[in-house]
Amino acid sequence: MSVLVSILAVGGFLCLYRIYQGPTISDRAVGVDIMGILFVGITALAALFYNLSYLMDLSITLALFSFIGTLALAKYLEKRSLDD
């Protein structure tokens, strides 16, 4: 368990670097999206390791919000309205 969380944490630090250093807003958006995916992975691992079902519900909710946020940001970057 600790090895998997360590690998995900290293990926998180790499995403933070991309968010900080990214030359364009789309690079930063990709970093934030991957950071959300890593957080979902850590939450799902904790749910499996500690046998807490509400953490799995939380990770599914976080994945959904991350997806909706990515779609909204993509629409904003293309200068289109959200109802297209």
PDB file of N, CA and C in Angstrom:
ATOM      1  N   MET A   1       0.825  -1.195   0.000  1.00  0.00           N
ATOM      2  CA  MET A   1       0.000   0.000   0.000  1.00  0.00           C
ATOM      3  C   MET A   1       0.868   1.257   0.000  1.00  0.00           C
ATOM      4  N   SER A   2       1.880   1.290   0.854  1.00  0.00           N
ATOM      5  CA  SER A   2       2.694   2.502   0.949  1.00  0.00           C
ATOM      6  C   SER A   2       3.497   2.747  -0.327  1.00  0.00           C
ATOM      7  N   VAL A   3       3.865   1.668  -1.015  1.00  0.00           N
ATOM      8  CA  VAL A   3       4.604   1.831  -2.269  1.00  0.00           C
ATOM      9  C   VAL A   3       3.700   2.472  -3.323  1.00  0.00           C
ATOM     10  N   LEU A   4       2.459   2.031  -3.391  1.00  0.00           N
ATOM     11  CA  LEU A   4       1.524   2.593  -4.373  1.00  0.00           C
ATOM     12  C   LEU A   4       1.217   4.059  -4.084  1.00  0.00           C
ATOM     13  N   VAL A   5       1.030   4.383  -2.824  1.00  0.00           N
ATOM     14  CA  VAL A   5       0.758   5.776  -2.460  1.00  0.00           C
ATOM     15  C   VAL A   5       1.989   6.632  -2.720  1.00  0.00           C
ATOM     16  N   SER A   6       3.172   6.082  -2.499  1.00  0.00           N
ATOM     17  CA  SER A   6       4.401   6.831  -2.780  1.00  0.00           C
ATOM     18  C   SER A   6       4.535   7.123  -4.270  1.00  0.00           C
ATOM     19  N   ILE A   7       4.215   6.147  -5.109  1.00  0.00           N
ATOM     20  CA  ILE A   7       4.273   6.360  -6.556  1.00  0.00           C
ATOM     21  C   ILE A   7       3.264   7.433  -6.968  1.00  0.00           C
ATOM     22  N   LEU A   8       2.065   7.375  -6.414  1.00  0.00           N
ATOM     23  CA  LEU A   8       1.051   8.383  -6.730  1.00  0.00           C
ATOM     24  C   LEU A   8       1.455   9.766  -6.213  1.00  0.00           C
ATOM     25  N   ALA A   9       2.138   9.809  -5.057  1.00  0.00           N
ATOM     26  CA  ALA A   9       2.597  11.087  -4.517  1.00  0.00           C
ATOM     27  C   ALA A   9       3.681  11.703  -5.397  1.00  0.00           C
ATOM     28  N   VAL A  10       4.584  10.881  -5.913  1.00  0.00           N
ATOM     29  CA  VAL A  10       5.608  11.385  -6.829  1.00  0.00           C
ATOM     30  C   VAL A  10       4.938  11.938  -8.090  1.00  0.00           C
ATOM     31  N   GLY A  11       3.943  11.234  -8.585  1.00  0.00           N
ATOM     32  CA  GLY A  11       3.186  11.735  -9.734  1.00  0.00           C
ATOM     33  C   GLY A  11       2.498  13.057  -9.406  1.00  0.00           C
ATOM     34  N   GLY A  12       2.032  13.191  -8.181  1.00  0.00           N
ATOM     35  CA  GLY A  12       1.405  14.442  -7.756  1.00  0.00           C
ATOM     36  C   GLY A  12       2.383  15.603  -7.753  1.00  0.00           C
ATOM     37  N   PHE A  13       3.600  15.350  -7.309  1.00  0.00           N
ATOM     38  CA  PHE A  13       4.602  16.407  -7.327  1.00  0.00           C
ATOM     39  C   PHE A  13       4.991  16.786  -8.755  1.00  0.00           C
ATOM     40  N   LEU A  14       5.025  15.806  -9.639  1.00  0.00           N
ATOM     41  CA  LEU A  14       5.285  16.111 -11.045  1.00  0.00           C
ATOM     42  C   LEU A  14       4.148  16.945 -11.646  1.00  0.00           C
ATOM     43  N   CYS A  15       2.923  16.659 -11.236  1.00  0.00           N
ATOM     44  CA  CYS A  15       1.783  17.456 -11.698  1.00  0.00           C
ATOM     45  C   CYS A  15       1.861  18.876 -11.147  1.00  0.00           C
ATOM     46  N   LEU A  16       2.279  19.021  -9.889  1.00  0.00           N
ATOM     47  CA  LEU A  16       2.441  20.358  -9.330  1.00  0.00           C
ATOM     48  C   LEU A  16       3.484  21.154 -10.102  1.00  0.00           C
ATOM     49  N   TYR A  17       4.542  20.475 -10.519  1.00  0.00           N
ATOM     50  CA  TYR A  17       5.556  21.134 -11.334  1.00  0.00           C
ATOM     51  C   TYR A  17       4.954  21.595 -12.661  1.00  0.00           C
ATOM     52  N   ARG A  18       4.135  20.757 -13.291  1.00  0.00           N
ATOM     53  CA  ARG A  18       3.508  21.115 -14.564  1.00  0.00           C
ATOM     54  C   ARG A  18       2.532  22.267 -14.374  1.00  0.00           C
ATOM     55  N   ILE A  19       1.811  22.279 -13.261  1.00  0.00           N
ATOM     56  CA  ILE A  19       0.873  23.366 -12.988  1.00  0.00           C
ATOM     57  C   ILE A  19       1.631  24.678 -12.791  1.00  0.00           C
ATOM     58  N   TYR A  20       2.734  24.631 -12.074  1.00  0.00           N
ATOM     59  CA  TYR A  20       3.520  25.830 -11.807  1.00  0.00           C
ATOM     60  C   TYR A  20       4.281  26.299 -13.035  1.00  0.00           C
ATOM     61  N   GLN A  21       4.875  25.383 -13.779  1.00  0.00           N
ATOM     62  CA  GLN A  21       5.768  25.708 -14.876  1.00  0.00           C
ATOM     63  C   GLN A  21       5.079  25.791 -16.229  1.00  0.00           C
ATOM     64  N   GLY A  22       3.897  25.228 -16.373  1.00  0.00           N
ATOM     65  CA  GLY A  22       3.240  25.123 -17.672  1.00  0.00           C
ATOM     66  C   GLY A  22       3.182  26.429 -18.428  1.00  0.00           C
ATOM     67  N   PRO A  23       3.640  26.445 -19.664  1.00  0.00           N
ATOM     68  CA  PRO A  23       3.662  27.709 -20.389  1.00  0.00           C
ATOM     69  C   PRO A  23       2.276  28.196 -20.819  1.00  0.00           C
ATOM     70  N   THR A  24       1.333  27.301 -20.998  1.00  0.00           N
ATOM     71  CA  THR A  24       0.003  27.722 -21.420  1.00  0.00           C
ATOM     72  C   THR A  24      -1.033  27.272 -20.395  1.00  0.00           C
ATOM     73  N   ILE A  25      -2.217  27.844 -20.515  1.00  0.00           N
ATOM     74  CA  ILE A  25      -3.297  27.490 -19.596  1.00  0.00           C
ATOM     75  C   ILE A  25      -3.751  26.047 -19.820  1.00  0.00           C
ATOM     76  N   SER A  26      -3.637  25.552 -21.041  1.00  0.00           N
ATOM     77  CA  SER A  26      -4.051  24.169 -21.282  1.00  0.00           C
ATOM     78  C   SER A  26      -3.088  23.187 -20.628  1.00  0.00           C
ATOM     79  N   ASP A  27      -1.793  23.509 -20.563  1.00  0.00           N
ATOM     80  CA  ASP A  27      -0.845  22.660 -19.835  1.00  0.00           C
ATOM     81  C   ASP A  27      -1.186  22.620 -18.353  1.00  0.00           C
ATOM     82  N   ARG A  28      -1.544  23.749 -17.819  1.00  0.00           N
ATOM     83  CA  ARG A  28      -1.928  23.807 -16.404  1.00  0.00           C
ATOM     84  C   ARG A  28      -3.226  23.042 -16.160  1.00  0.00           C
ATOM     85  N   ALA A  29      -4.144  23.118 -17.108  1.00  0.00           N
ATOM     86  CA  ALA A  29      -5.410  22.392 -16.974  1.00  0.00           C
ATOM     87  C   ALA A  29      -5.177  20.889 -16.985  1.00  0.00           C
ATOM     88  N   VAL A  30      -4.270  20.429 -17.836  1.00  0.00           N
ATOM     89  CA  VAL A  30      -3.942  18.994 -17.862  1.00  0.00           C
ATOM     90  C   VAL A  30      -3.318  18.578 -16.538  1.00  0.00           C
ATOM     91  N   GLY A  31      -2.455  19.424 -15.987  1.00  0.00           N
ATOM     92  CA  GLY A  31      -1.852  19.119 -14.690  1.00  0.00           C
ATOM     93  C   GLY A  31      -2.879  19.013 -13.579  1.00  0.00           C
ATOM     94  N   VAL A  32      -3.834  19.925 -13.578  1.00  0.00           N
ATOM     95  CA  VAL A  32      -4.893  19.884 -12.558  1.00  0.00           C
ATOM     96  C   VAL A  32      -5.768  18.650 -12.748  1.00  0.00           C
ATOM     97  N   ASP A  33      -6.063  18.294 -13.989  1.00  0.00           N
ATOM     98  CA  ASP A  33      -6.881  17.115 -14.261  1.00  0.00           C
ATOM     99  C   ASP A  33      -6.176  15.836 -13.798  1.00  0.00           C
ATOM    100  N   ILE A  34      -4.910  15.713 -14.101  1.00  0.00           N
ATOM    101  CA  ILE A  34      -4.168  14.518 -13.675  1.00  0.00           C
ATOM    102  C   ILE A  34      -4.015  14.495 -12.159  1.00  0.00           C
ATOM    103  N   MET A  35      -3.870  15.678 -11.553  1.00  0.00           N
ATOM    104  CA  MET A  35      -3.792  15.747 -10.090  1.00  0.00           C
ATOM    105  C   MET A  35      -5.092  15.236  -9.468  1.00  0.00           C
ATOM    106  N   GLY A  36      -6.220  15.565 -10.072  1.00  0.00           N
ATOM    107  CA  GLY A  36      -7.506  15.052  -9.590  1.00  0.00           C
ATOM    108  C   GLY A  36      -7.606  13.547  -9.740  1.00  0.00           C
ATOM    109  N   ILE A  37      -7.102  13.029 -10.850  1.00  0.00           N
ATOM    110  CA  ILE A  37      -7.115  11.581 -11.060  1.00  0.00           C
ATOM    111  C   ILE A  37      -6.246  10.882 -10.029  1.00  0.00           C
ATOM    112  N   LEU A  38      -5.079  11.468  -9.723  1.00  0.00           N
ATOM    113  CA  LEU A  38      -4.206  10.876  -8.705  1.00  0.00           C
ATOM    114  C   LEU A  38      -4.868  10.896  -7.333  1.00  0.00           C
ATOM    115  N   PHE A  39      -5.576  11.983  -7.026  1.00  0.00           N
ATOM    116  CA  PHE A  39      -6.268  12.058  -5.742  1.00  0.00           C
ATOM    117  C   PHE A  39      -7.382  11.020  -5.656  1.00  0.00           C
ATOM    118  N   VAL A  40      -8.069  10.802  -6.758  1.00  0.00           N
ATOM    119  CA  VAL A  40      -9.094   9.755  -6.802  1.00  0.00           C
ATOM    120  C   VAL A  40      -8.447   8.387  -6.564  1.00  0.00           C
ATOM    121  N   GLY A  41      -7.286   8.162  -7.174  1.00  0.00           N
ATOM    122  CA  GLY A  41      -6.581   6.893  -6.983  1.00  0.00           C
ATOM    123  C   GLY A  41      -6.155   6.676  -5.542  1.00  0.00           C
ATOM    124  N   ILE A  42      -5.637   7.714  -4.905  1.00  0.00           N
ATOM    125  CA  ILE A  42      -5.228   7.596  -3.498  1.00  0.00           C
ATOM    126  C   ILE A  42      -6.436   7.328  -2.612  1.00  0.00           C
ATOM    127  N   THR A  43      -7.539   8.006  -2.881  1.00  0.00           N
ATOM    128  CA  THR A  43      -8.756   7.791  -2.094  1.00  0.00           C
ATOM    129  C   THR A  43      -9.300   6.380  -2.295  1.00  0.00           C
ATOM    130  N   ALA A  44      -9.251   5.878  -3.527  1.00  0.00           N
ATOM    131  CA  ALA A  44      -9.734   4.514  -3.790  1.00  0.00           C
ATOM    132  C   ALA A  44      -8.828   3.480  -3.123  1.00  0.00           C
ATOM    133  N   LEU A  45      -7.522   3.710  -3.133  1.00  0.00           N
ATOM    134  CA  LEU A  45      -6.610   2.788  -2.444  1.00  0.00           C
ATOM    135  C   LEU A  45      -6.873   2.778  -0.940  1.00  0.00           C
ATOM    136  N   ALA A  46      -7.110   3.953  -0.379  1.00  0.00           N
ATOM    137  CA  ALA A  46      -7.419   4.023   1.058  1.00  0.00           C
ATOM    138  C   ALA A  46      -8.734   3.307   1.361  1.00  0.00           C
ATOM    139  N   ALA A  47      -9.704   3.424   0.465  1.00  0.00           N
ATOM    140  CA  ALA A  47     -10.982   2.733   0.666  1.00  0.00           C
ATOM    141  C   ALA A  47     -10.794   1.227   0.660  1.00  0.00           C
ATOM    142  N   LEU A  48      -9.960   0.742  -0.246  1.00  0.00           N
ATOM    143  CA  LEU A  48      -9.725  -0.702  -0.298  1.00  0.00           C
ATOM    144  C   LEU A  48      -8.887  -1.195   0.878  1.00  0.00           C
ATOM    145  N   PHE A  49      -7.881  -0.434   1.258  1.00  0.00           N
ATOM    146  CA  PHE A  49      -6.976  -0.867   2.319  1.00  0.00           C
ATOM    147  C   PHE A  49      -7.653  -0.844   3.681  1.00  0.00           C
ATOM    148  N   TYR A  50      -8.417   0.232   3.965  1.00  0.00           N
ATOM    149  CA  TYR A  50      -9.058   0.365   5.272  1.00  0.00           C
ATOM    150  C   TYR A  50     -10.482  -0.174   5.293  1.00  0.00           C
ATOM    151  N   ASN A  51     -10.970  -0.679   4.156  1.00  0.00           N
ATOM    152  CA  ASN A  51     -12.305  -1.269   4.049  1.00  0.00           C
ATOM    153  C   ASN A  51     -13.396  -0.277   4.478  1.00  0.00           C
ATOM    154  N   LEU A  52     -13.301   0.945   3.921  1.00  0.00           N
ATOM    155  CA  LEU A  52     -14.279   1.995   4.196  1.00  0.00           C
ATOM    156  C   LEU A  52     -15.013   2.317   2.898  1.00  0.00           C
ATOM    157  N   SER A  53     -16.273   1.939   2.855  1.00  0.00           N
ATOM    158  CA  SER A  53     -17.023   2.089   1.607  1.00  0.00           C
ATOM    159  C   SER A  53     -17.329   3.547   1.270  1.00  0.00           C
ATOM    160  N   TYR A  54     -17.423   4.420   2.274  1.00  0.00           N
ATOM    161  CA  TYR A  54     -17.740   5.807   1.974  1.00  0.00           C
ATOM    162  C   TYR A  54     -16.589   6.503   1.242  1.00  0.00           C
ATOM    163  N   LEU A  55     -15.365   6.016   1.399  1.00  0.00           N
ATOM    164  CA  LEU A  55     -14.252   6.586   0.649  1.00  0.00           C
ATOM    165  C   LEU A  55     -14.351   6.244  -0.834  1.00  0.00           C
ATOM    166  N   MET A  56     -14.897   5.089  -1.145  1.00  0.00           N
ATOM    167  CA  MET A  56     -15.100   4.745  -2.551  1.00  0.00           C
ATOM    168  C   MET A  56     -16.177   5.639  -3.165  1.00  0.00           C
ATOM    169  N   ASP A  57     -17.218   5.923  -2.394  1.00  0.00           N
ATOM    170  CA  ASP A  57     -18.244   6.867  -2.864  1.00  0.00           C
ATOM    171  C   ASP A  57     -17.633   8.249  -3.093  1.00  0.00           C
ATOM    172  N   LEU A  58     -16.758   8.656  -2.187  1.00  0.00           N
ATOM    173  CA  LEU A  58     -16.082   9.941  -2.330  1.00  0.00           C
ATOM    174  C   LEU A  58     -15.208   9.968  -3.581  1.00  0.00           C
ATOM    175  N   SER A  59     -14.515   8.874  -3.844  1.00  0.00           N
ATOM    176  CA  SER A  59     -13.645   8.860  -5.020  1.00  0.00           C
ATOM    177  C   SER A  59     -14.454   8.890  -6.317  1.00  0.00           C
ATOM    178  N   ILE A  60     -15.600   8.239  -6.343  1.00  0.00           N
ATOM    179  CA  ILE A  60     -16.455   8.295  -7.536  1.00  0.00           C
ATOM    180  C   ILE A  60     -16.994   9.711  -7.732  1.00  0.00           C
ATOM    181  N   THR A  61     -17.369  10.367  -6.657  1.00  0.00           N
ATOM    182  CA  THR A  61     -17.854  11.739  -6.733  1.00  0.00           C
ATOM    183  C   THR A  61     -16.751  12.682  -7.201  1.00  0.00           C
ATOM    184  N   LEU A  62     -15.545  12.503  -6.685  1.00  0.00           N
ATOM    185  CA  LEU A  62     -14.421  13.338  -7.110  1.00  0.00           C
ATOM    186  C   LEU A  62     -14.102  13.145  -8.584  1.00  0.00           C
ATOM    187  N   ALA A  63     -14.180  11.905  -9.049  1.00  0.00           N
ATOM    188  CA  ALA A  63     -13.927  11.637 -10.469  1.00  0.00           C
ATOM    189  C   ALA A  63     -14.971  12.327 -11.338  1.00  0.00           C
ATOM    190  N   LEU A  64     -16.215  12.312 -10.908  1.00  0.00           N
ATOM    191  CA  LEU A  64     -17.281  12.965 -11.655  1.00  0.00           C
ATOM    192  C   LEU A  64     -17.078  14.474 -11.707  1.00  0.00           C
ATOM    193  N   PHE A  65     -16.752  15.076 -10.561  1.00  0.00           N
ATOM    194  CA  PHE A  65     -16.517  16.519 -10.535  1.00  0.00           C
ATOM    195  C   PHE A  65     -15.293  16.901 -11.361  1.00  0.00           C
ATOM    196  N   SER A  66     -14.279  16.081 -11.339  1.00  0.00           N
ATOM    197  CA  SER A  66     -13.084  16.342 -12.136  1.00  0.00           C
ATOM    198  C   SER A  66     -13.411  16.319 -13.620  1.00  0.00           C
ATOM    199  N   PHE A  67     -14.216  15.353 -14.031  1.00  0.00           N
ATOM    200  CA  PHE A  67     -14.620  15.253 -15.427  1.00  0.00           C
ATOM    201  C   PHE A  67     -15.440  16.457 -15.854  1.00  0.00           C
ATOM    202  N   ILE A  68     -16.398  16.855 -15.035  1.00  0.00           N
ATOM    203  CA  ILE A  68     -17.240  18.004 -15.370  1.00  0.00           C
ATOM    204  C   ILE A  68     -16.411  19.281 -15.402  1.00  0.00           C
ATOM    205  N   GLY A  69     -15.475  19.417 -14.476  1.00  0.00           N
ATOM    206  CA  GLY A  69     -14.605  20.590 -14.477  1.00  0.00           C
ATOM    207  C   GLY A  69     -13.717  20.657 -15.703  1.00  0.00           C
ATOM    208  N   THR A  70     -13.218  19.520 -16.148  1.00  0.00           N
ATOM    209  CA  THR A  70     -12.393  19.489 -17.351  1.00  0.00           C
ATOM    210  C   THR A  70     -13.203  19.859 -18.580  1.00  0.00           C
ATOM    211  N   LEU A  71     -14.429  19.361 -18.664  1.00  0.00           N
ATOM    212  CA  LEU A  71     -15.292  19.736 -19.778  1.00  0.00           C
ATOM    213  C   LEU A  71     -15.603  21.230 -19.785  1.00  0.00           C
ATOM    214  N   ALA A  72     -15.879  21.780 -18.623  1.00  0.00           N
ATOM    215  CA  ALA A  72     -16.186  23.207 -18.536  1.00  0.00           C
ATOM    216  C   ALA A  72     -14.971  24.048 -18.920  1.00  0.00           C
ATOM    217  N   LEU A  73     -13.791  23.641 -18.487  1.00  0.00           N
ATOM    218  CA  LEU A  73     -12.590  24.389 -18.830  1.00  0.00           C
ATOM    219  C   LEU A  73     -12.282  24.295 -20.321  1.00  0.00           C
ATOM    220  N   ALA A  74     -12.502  23.143 -20.911  1.00  0.00           N
ATOM    221  CA  ALA A  74     -12.283  22.990 -22.354  1.00  0.00           C
ATOM    222  C   ALA A  74     -13.245  23.878 -23.134  1.00  0.00           C
ATOM    223  N   LYS A  75     -14.490  23.943 -22.702  1.00  0.00           N
ATOM    224  CA  LYS A  75     -15.451  24.827 -23.366  1.00  0.00           C
ATOM    225  C   LYS A  75     -15.041  26.290 -23.217  1.00  0.00           C
ATOM    226  N   TYR A  76     -14.558  26.652 -22.034  1.00  0.00           N
ATOM    227  CA  TYR A  76     -14.124  28.027 -21.797  1.00  0.00           C
ATOM    228  C   TYR A  76     -12.919  28.377 -22.669  1.00  0.00           C
ATOM    229  N   LEU A  77     -11.970  27.462 -22.783  1.00  0.00           N
ATOM    230  CA  LEU A  77     -10.779  27.730 -23.583  1.00  0.00           C
ATOM    231  C   LEU A  77     -11.108  27.843 -25.063  1.00  0.00           C
ATOM    232  N   GLU A  78     -12.146  27.176 -25.517  1.00  0.00           N
ATOM    233  CA  GLU A  78     -12.567  27.295 -26.914  1.00  0.00           C
ATOM    234  C   GLU A  78     -13.510  28.466 -27.142  1.00  0.00           C
ATOM    235  N   LYS A  79     -13.799  29.221 -26.083  1.00  0.00           N
ATOM    236  CA  LYS A  79     -14.679  30.385 -26.149  1.00  0.00           C
ATOM    237  C   LYS A  79     -16.080  30.025 -26.629  1.00  0.00           C
ATOM    238  N   ARG A  80     -16.556  28.855 -26.181  1.00  0.00           N
ATOM    239  CA  ARG A  80     -17.915  28.428 -26.527  1.00  0.00           C
ATOM    240  C   ARG A  80     -18.749  28.450 -25.260  1.00  0.00           C
ATOM    241  N   SER A  81     -20.053  28.518 -25.426  1.00  0.00           N
ATOM    242  CA  SER A  81     -20.927  28.502 -24.263  1.00  0.00           C
ATOM    243  C   SER A  81     -21.067  27.084 -23.734  1.00  0.00           C
ATOM    244  N   LEU A  82     -21.489  26.989 -22.484  1.00  0.00           N
ATOM    245  CA  LEU A  82     -21.573  25.686 -21.831  1.00  0.00           C
ATOM    246  C   LEU A  82     -22.754  24.853 -22.303  1.00  0.00           C
ATOM    247  N   ASP A  83     -23.697  25.442 -23.006  1.00  0.00           N
ATOM    248  CA  ASP A  83     -24.864  24.686 -23.436  1.00  0.00           C
ATOM    249  C   ASP A  83     -24.743  24.133 -24.851  1.00  0.00           C
ATOM    250  N   ASP A  84     -23.593  24.252 -25.487  1.00  0.00           N
ATOM    251  CA  ASP A  84     -23.389  23.685 -26.836  1.00  0.00           C
ATOM    252  C   ASP A  84     -23.227  22.191 -26.794  1.00  0.00           C
TER     253      ASP A  84
END
